[in-house]
C-alpha atoms as a PDB file:
ATOM      1  CA  MET A   1       9.698  -6.475   8.799  1.00  0.00           C
ATOM      2  CA  THR A   2       7.211  -3.771   9.760  1.00  0.00           C
ATOM      3  CA  GLU A   3       3.528  -4.640   9.952  1.00  0.00           C
ATOM      4  CA  ILE A   4       1.825  -3.229   6.891  1.00  0.00           C
ATOM      5  CA  THR A   5      -0.922  -1.549   8.902  1.00  0.00           C
ATOM      6  CA  GLU A   6       1.717   0.486  10.747  1.00  0.00           C
ATOM      7  CA  LEU A   7       3.014   2.058   7.529  1.00  0.00           C
ATOM      8  CA  THR A   8       1.982   5.382   6.093  1.00  0.00           C
ATOM      9  CA  PHE A   9       0.825   5.400   2.491  1.00  0.00           C
ATOM     10  CA  GLU A  10       4.145   6.873   1.389  1.00  0.00           C
ATOM     11  CA  LEU A  11       6.232   4.232   3.176  1.00  0.00           C
ATOM     12  CA  ALA A  12       4.034   1.384   1.941  1.00  0.00           C
ATOM     13  CA  TYR A  13       4.216   2.670  -1.639  1.00  0.00           C
ATOM     14  CA  ALA A  14       7.999   3.084  -1.446  1.00  0.00           C
ATOM     15  CA  GLU A  15       8.380  -0.475  -0.172  1.00  0.00           C
ATOM     16  CA  LEU A  16       6.110  -1.726  -2.951  1.00  0.00           C
ATOM     17  CA  GLU A  17       8.253   0.050  -5.552  1.00  0.00           C
ATOM     18  CA  GLU A  18      11.377  -1.525  -4.051  1.00  0.00           C
ATOM     19  CA  ILE A  19       9.798  -4.980  -4.191  1.00  0.00           C
ATOM     20  CA  ILE A  20       8.831  -4.486  -7.833  1.00  0.00           C
ATOM     21  CA  THR A  21      12.376  -3.428  -8.685  1.00  0.00           C
ATOM     22  CA  ARG A  22      13.836  -6.457  -6.923  1.00  0.00           C
ATOM     23  CA  LEU A  23      11.398  -8.839  -8.603  1.00  0.00           C
ATOM     24  CA  ASP A  24      12.071  -7.281 -12.009  1.00  0.00           C
ATOM     25  CA  SER A  25      15.793  -7.920 -11.600  1.00  0.00           C
ATOM     26  CA  GLY A  26      15.208 -11.667 -11.892  1.00  0.00           C
ATOM     27  CA  ASP A  27      18.208 -12.368  -9.659  1.00  0.00           C
ATOM     28  CA  LEU A  28      16.297 -13.772  -6.680  1.00  0.00           C
ATOM     29  CA  PRO A  29      15.790 -17.370  -5.653  1.00  0.00           C
ATOM     30  CA  LEU A  30      12.265 -18.669  -6.187  1.00  0.00           C
ATOM     31  CA  ASP A  31      11.315 -18.814  -2.501  1.00  0.00           C
ATOM     32  CA  GLU A  32      12.428 -15.215  -1.931  1.00  0.00           C
ATOM     33  CA  SER A  33      10.560 -14.114  -5.052  1.00  0.00           C
ATOM     34  CA  VAL A  34       7.353 -15.730  -3.819  1.00  0.00           C
ATOM     35  CA  THR A  35       7.732 -14.141  -0.372  1.00  0.00           C
ATOM     36  CA  LEU A  36       8.320 -10.705  -1.919  1.00  0.00           C
ATOM     37  CA  PHE A  37       5.394 -11.185  -4.291  1.00  0.00           C
ATOM     38  CA  GLU A  38       3.076 -11.981  -1.361  1.00  0.00           C
ATOM     39  CA  ARG A  39       4.265  -8.917   0.559  1.00  0.00           C
ATOM     40  CA  GLY A  40       3.845  -6.796  -2.557  1.00  0.00           C
ATOM     41  CA  ARG A  41       0.256  -7.948  -3.042  1.00  0.00           C
ATOM     42  CA  LYS A  42      -0.550  -7.047   0.565  1.00  0.00           C
ATOM     43  CA  LEU A  43       1.119  -3.652   0.214  1.00  0.00           C
ATOM     44  CA  ALA A  44      -0.772  -2.945  -3.007  1.00  0.00           C
ATOM     45  CA  GLN A  45      -4.097  -3.777  -1.353  1.00  0.00           C
ATOM     46  CA  TYR A  46      -3.230  -1.658   1.686  1.00  0.00           C
ATOM     47  CA  CYS A  47      -2.312   1.324  -0.516  1.00  0.00           C
ATOM     48  CA  GLN A  48      -5.534   0.908  -2.491  1.00  0.00           C
ATOM     49  CA  ASN A  49      -7.580   0.866   0.722  1.00  0.00           C
ATOM     50  CA  LEU A  50      -5.904   4.086   1.896  1.00  0.00           C
ATOM     51  CA  LEU A  51      -6.561   5.733  -1.464  1.00  0.00           C
ATOM     52  CA  ASP A  52     -10.201   4.639  -1.367  1.00  0.00           C
ATOM     53  CA  SER A  53     -10.561   6.145   2.125  1.00  0.00           C
ATOM     54  CA  ALA A  54      -8.975   9.408   0.990  1.00  0.00           C
ATOM     55  CA  GLU A  55     -11.270   9.547  -2.045  1.00  0.00           C
ATOM     56  CA  LEU A  56     -14.297   9.038   0.180  1.00  0.00           C
ATOM     57  CA  ARG A  57     -13.194  11.897   2.429  1.00  0.00           C
ATOM     58  CA  VAL A  58     -12.697  14.207  -0.560  1.00  0.00           C
ATOM     59  CA  ASN A  59     -16.135  13.310  -1.913  1.00  0.00           C
ATOM     60  CA  GLN A  60     -17.665  14.004   1.495  1.00  0.00           C
ATOM     61  CA  LEU A  61     -15.980  17.398   1.577  1.00  0.00           C
ATOM     62  CA  LEU A  62     -17.195  18.227  -1.914  1.00  0.00           C
ATOM     63  CA  ASP A  63     -20.729  17.257  -0.902  1.00  0.00           C
ATOM     64  CA  GLY A  64     -20.513  19.585   2.097  1.00  0.00           C
ATOM     65  CA  GLY A  65     -20.845  16.777   4.594  1.00  0.00           C
ATOM     66  CA  GLN A  66     -18.915  15.919   7.687  1.00  0.00           C
ATOM     67  CA  ILE A  67     -15.804  13.842   7.282  1.00  0.00           C
ATOM     68  CA  GLU A  68     -14.438  11.028   9.372  1.00  0.00           C
ATOM     69  CA  PRO A  69     -10.716  10.904  10.206  1.00  0.00           C
ATOM     70  CA  LEU A  70      -8.547   8.615   8.095  1.00  0.00           C
ATOM     71  CA  GLU A  71      -7.653   5.293   9.619  1.00  0.00           C
ATOM     72  CA  GLY A  72      -4.285   3.680   9.048  1.00  0.00           C
END
């Protein structure tokens, strides 16, 4: 399994969608469901952090300031 911090936003979001679909199916054993849920929570937080960073950059651009490169 790829480290979350090595994923682009798009790949992390796609994996999160896949996890949600698998969890929604209800066909998984409990231990696998818990593992997927944990990974999904981490992916969701990672995606949110990337979105927050992008929003900050956009706000800096709108304010006419200098921007810092995106991390992650």
